[in-house]
C-alpha atoms as a PDB file:
ATOM      1  CA  UNK A   1     115.979 103.776 124.616  1.00  0.00           C
ATOM      2  CA  UNK A   2     118.932 105.922 124.082  1.00  0.00           C
ATOM      3  CA  UNK A   3     119.571 103.229 121.711  1.00  0.00           C
ATOM      4  CA  UNK A   4     117.370 102.537 119.688  1.00  0.00           C
ATOM      5  CA  UNK A   5     118.643 103.256 116.065  1.00  0.00           C
ATOM      6  CA  UNK A   6     115.900 106.211 115.863  1.00  0.00           C
ATOM      7  CA  UNK A   7     117.223 107.898 118.328  1.00  0.00           C
ATOM      8  CA  UNK A   8     121.007 107.278 118.029  1.00  0.00           C
ATOM      9  CA  UNK A   9     120.006 108.346 113.541  1.00  0.00           C
ATOM     10  CA  UNK A  10     118.495 111.534 115.425  1.00  0.00           C
ATOM     11  CA  UNK A  11     121.550 112.192 117.731  1.00  0.00           C
ATOM     12  CA  UNK A  12     124.156 111.769 115.232  1.00  0.00           C
ATOM     13  CA  UNK A  13     121.890 113.905 112.142  1.00  0.00           C
ATOM     14  CA  UNK A  14     121.599 116.742 115.186  1.00  0.00           C
ATOM     15  CA  UNK A  15     125.416 116.617 115.992  1.00  0.00           C
ATOM     16  CA  UNK A  16     126.259 117.093 112.142  1.00  0.00           C
ATOM     17  CA  UNK A  17     123.761 120.024 111.602  1.00  0.00           C
ATOM     18  CA  UNK A  18     124.384 121.595 115.139  1.00  0.00           C
ATOM     19  CA  UNK A  19     120.794 121.434 115.922  1.00  0.00           C
ATOM     20  CA  UNK A  20     117.309 120.110 115.194  1.00  0.00           C
ATOM     21  CA  UNK A  21     116.342 118.366 111.809  1.00  0.00           C
ATOM     22  CA  UNK A  22     115.045 120.886 109.283  1.00  0.00           C
ATOM     23  CA  UNK A  23     114.280 118.935 106.349  1.00  0.00           C
ATOM     24  CA  UNK A  24     114.002 115.687 105.793  1.00  0.00           C
ATOM     25  CA  UNK A  25     114.088 114.467 102.323  1.00  0.00           C
ATOM     26  CA  UNK A  26     112.973 111.197 101.535  1.00  0.00           C
ATOM     27  CA  UNK A  27     113.621 108.807  98.298  1.00  0.00           C
ATOM     28  CA  UNK A  28     114.105 105.853  98.728  1.00  0.00           C
ATOM     29  CA  UNK A  29     113.817 103.125  95.807  1.00  0.00           C
ATOM     30  CA  UNK A  30     111.927 101.178  98.138  1.00  0.00           C
ATOM     31  CA  UNK A  31     110.089 100.902 101.669  1.00  0.00           C
ATOM     32  CA  UNK A  32     111.961 101.864 104.308  1.00  0.00           C
ATOM     33  CA  UNK A  33     111.059 102.055 108.120  1.00  0.00           C
ATOM     34  CA  UNK A  34     113.969 103.942 108.885  1.00  0.00           C
ATOM     35  CA  UNK A  35     112.308 106.919 107.716  1.00  0.00           C
ATOM     36  CA  UNK A  36     109.009 106.430 110.326  1.00  0.00           C
ATOM     37  CA  UNK A  37     111.877 106.299 113.051  1.00  0.00           C
ATOM     38  CA  UNK A  38     113.530 109.108 111.752  1.00  0.00           C
ATOM     39  CA  UNK A  39     110.267 111.740 111.515  1.00  0.00           C
ATOM     40  CA  UNK A  40     109.636 110.241 114.745  1.00  0.00           C
ATOM     41  CA  UNK A  41     112.772 111.261 116.790  1.00  0.00           C
ATOM     42  CA  UNK A  42     114.362 113.848 115.547  1.00  0.00           C
ATOM     43  CA  UNK A  43     110.245 115.830 115.008  1.00  0.00           C
ATOM     44  CA  UNK A  44     111.570 117.459 112.171  1.00  0.00           C
ATOM     45  CA  UNK A  45     109.344 120.386 110.396  1.00  0.00           C
ATOM     46  CA  UNK A  46     109.878 119.465 106.450  1.00  0.00           C
ATOM     47  CA  UNK A  47     109.291 116.640 105.643  1.00  0.00           C
ATOM     48  CA  UNK A  48     109.616 116.336 101.822  1.00  0.00           C
ATOM     49  CA  UNK A  49     108.422 113.439  99.822  1.00  0.00           C
ATOM     50  CA  UNK A  50     109.899 112.564  95.724  1.00  0.00           C
ATOM     51  CA  UNK A  51     107.846 110.358  93.817  1.00  0.00           C
ATOM     52  CA  UNK A  52     105.437 109.913  96.305  1.00  0.00           C
ATOM     53  CA  UNK A  53     102.686 109.263  92.975  1.00  0.00           C
ATOM     54  CA  UNK A  54     104.842 105.516  93.205  1.00  0.00           C
ATOM     55  CA  UNK A  55     104.256 102.221  94.197  1.00  0.00           C
ATOM     56  CA  UNK A  56     107.089 101.225  96.927  1.00  0.00           C
ATOM     57  CA  UNK A  57     108.662 104.624  97.034  1.00  0.00           C
ATOM     58  CA  UNK A  58     108.526 106.517  99.917  1.00  0.00           C
ATOM     59  CA  UNK A  59     104.115 108.309  98.964  1.00  0.00           C
ATOM     60  CA  UNK A  60     103.145 105.622 101.665  1.00  0.00           C
ATOM     61  CA  UNK A  61     104.673 107.909 104.393  1.00  0.00           C
ATOM     62  CA  UNK A  62     103.613 111.191 103.506  1.00  0.00           C
ATOM     63  CA  UNK A  63     100.818 109.298 103.456  1.00  0.00           C
ATOM     64  CA  UNK A  64     100.330 107.749 106.076  1.00  0.00           C
ATOM     65  CA  UNK A  65     101.619 111.344 108.211  1.00  0.00           C
ATOM     66  CA  UNK A  66      98.061 112.837 106.929  1.00  0.00           C
ATOM     67  CA  UNK A  67      96.619 110.334 108.333  1.00  0.00           C
ATOM     68  CA  UNK A  68      94.705 109.107 104.574  1.00  0.00           C
ATOM     69  CA  UNK A  69      93.511 105.553 104.165  1.00  0.00           C
ATOM     70  CA  UNK A  70      94.305 103.339 101.892  1.00  0.00           C
ATOM     71  CA  UNK A  71      94.049  99.552 100.994  1.00  0.00           C
ATOM     72  CA  UNK A  72      97.568  98.317 101.052  1.00  0.00           C
ATOM     73  CA  UNK A  73     100.289  99.877 103.875  1.00  0.00           C
ATOM     74  CA  UNK A  74     102.871 100.953 101.039  1.00  0.00           C
ATOM     75  CA  UNK A  75     100.056 102.409  98.186  1.00  0.00           C
ATOM     76  CA  UNK A  76     101.417 105.398  97.329  1.00  0.00           C
ATOM     77  CA  UNK A  77     100.108 109.308  97.905  1.00  0.00           C
ATOM     78  CA  UNK A  78      97.261 109.818  95.150  1.00  0.00           C
ATOM     79  CA  UNK A  79      94.238 111.381  94.513  1.00  0.00           C
ATOM     80  CA  UNK A  80      92.818 113.718  97.489  1.00  0.00           C
ATOM     81  CA  UNK A  81      94.532 113.289 101.236  1.00  0.00           C
ATOM     82  CA  UNK A  82      92.428 113.134 104.079  1.00  0.00           C
ATOM     83  CA  UNK A  83      94.379 115.488 106.937  1.00  0.00           C
ATOM     84  CA  UNK A  84      91.870 114.344 110.219  1.00  0.00           C
ATOM     85  CA  UNK A  85      93.627 115.306 112.989  1.00  0.00           C
ATOM     86  CA  UNK A  86      96.851 114.966 111.798  1.00  0.00           C
ATOM     87  CA  UNK A  87      99.952 116.919 113.139  1.00  0.00           C
ATOM     88  CA  UNK A  88     100.975 117.292 108.997  1.00  0.00           C
ATOM     89  CA  UNK A  89      99.906 119.357 106.441  1.00  0.00           C
ATOM     90  CA  UNK A  90     100.244 119.848 102.665  1.00  0.00           C
ATOM     91  CA  UNK A  91     102.330 123.038 102.493  1.00  0.00           C
ATOM     92  CA  UNK A  92     103.510 122.340  98.722  1.00  0.00           C
ATOM     93  CA  UNK A  93     103.300 120.152  95.319  1.00  0.00           C
ATOM     94  CA  UNK A  94     104.482 119.266  92.535  1.00  0.00           C
ATOM     95  CA  UNK A  95     105.545 116.697  89.472  1.00  0.00           C
ATOM     96  CA  UNK A  96     107.816 116.442  86.436  1.00  0.00           C
ATOM     97  CA  UNK A  97     108.088 114.678  83.723  1.00  0.00           C
ATOM     98  CA  UNK A  98     111.308 112.886  84.068  1.00  0.00           C
ATOM     99  CA  UNK A  99     110.957 111.412  80.489  1.00  0.00           C
ATOM    100  CA  UNK A 100     111.589 114.870  79.509  1.00  0.00           C
ATOM    101  CA  UNK A 101     108.645 115.241  77.887  1.00  0.00           C
ATOM    102  CA  UNK A 102     109.135 112.151  75.411  1.00  0.00           C
ATOM    103  CA  UNK A 103     106.601 109.285  75.888  1.00  0.00           C
ATOM    104  CA  UNK A 104     107.166 106.419  76.951  1.00  0.00           C
ATOM    105  CA  UNK A 105     105.986 103.579  75.766  1.00  0.00           C
ATOM    106  CA  UNK A 106     102.341 102.859  75.707  1.00  0.00           C
ATOM    107  CA  UNK A 107     101.873 107.068  74.991  1.00  0.00           C
ATOM    108  CA  UNK A 108     102.350 107.569  78.489  1.00  0.00           C
ATOM    109  CA  UNK A 109     104.924 109.905  79.999  1.00  0.00           C
ATOM    110  CA  UNK A 110     106.735 109.322  83.461  1.00  0.00           C
ATOM    111  CA  UNK A 111     105.540 111.919  85.571  1.00  0.00           C
ATOM    112  CA  UNK A 112     106.876 112.247  89.424  1.00  0.00           C
ATOM    113  CA  UNK A 113     104.449 113.909  91.971  1.00  0.00           C
ATOM    114  CA  UNK A 114     106.453 115.385  95.030  1.00  0.00           C
ATOM    115  CA  UNK A 115     105.193 116.746  98.254  1.00  0.00           C
ATOM    116  CA  UNK A 116     106.626 119.376 100.699  1.00  0.00           C
ATOM    117  CA  UNK A 117     104.567 118.350 104.224  1.00  0.00           C
ATOM    118  CA  UNK A 118     104.858 120.306 106.690  1.00  0.00           C
ATOM    119  CA  UNK A 119     104.428 119.883 110.399  1.00  0.00           C
ATOM    120  CA  UNK A 120     101.664 122.129 112.258  1.00  0.00           C
ATOM    121  CA  UNK A 121     103.605 123.466 114.796  1.00  0.00           C
ATOM    122  CA  UNK A 122     106.441 125.186 111.843  1.00  0.00           C
ATOM    123  CA  UNK A 123     105.566 128.543 111.691  1.00  0.00           C
ATOM    124  CA  UNK A 124     104.869 129.036 115.295  1.00  0.00           C
END
């Protein structure tokens, strides 16, 4: 449907960048299905997910793209990532410490994970 939110948002993005969407950066502070609409309609070659290890952030989108199983829908991306028959693969991943290396209350640092996914045909 050409009037659907995903289609309209994708057309607006493509008009701004002039062509296909190369990279989609996801760092929402809450679960958002709009990310899936953009991925399905715009078909970006790469998706960069920040805060992938935090509950209710965009890690669940990365997990879904990789088809990793989880008990809870909005669970973050953690541990081993199932690849199955996915059209997406992990290109790069890493983490950084938001506390600047200073221990937080309880001795835990504020580690944030990120993951860069590439569509299986991104380099063709």
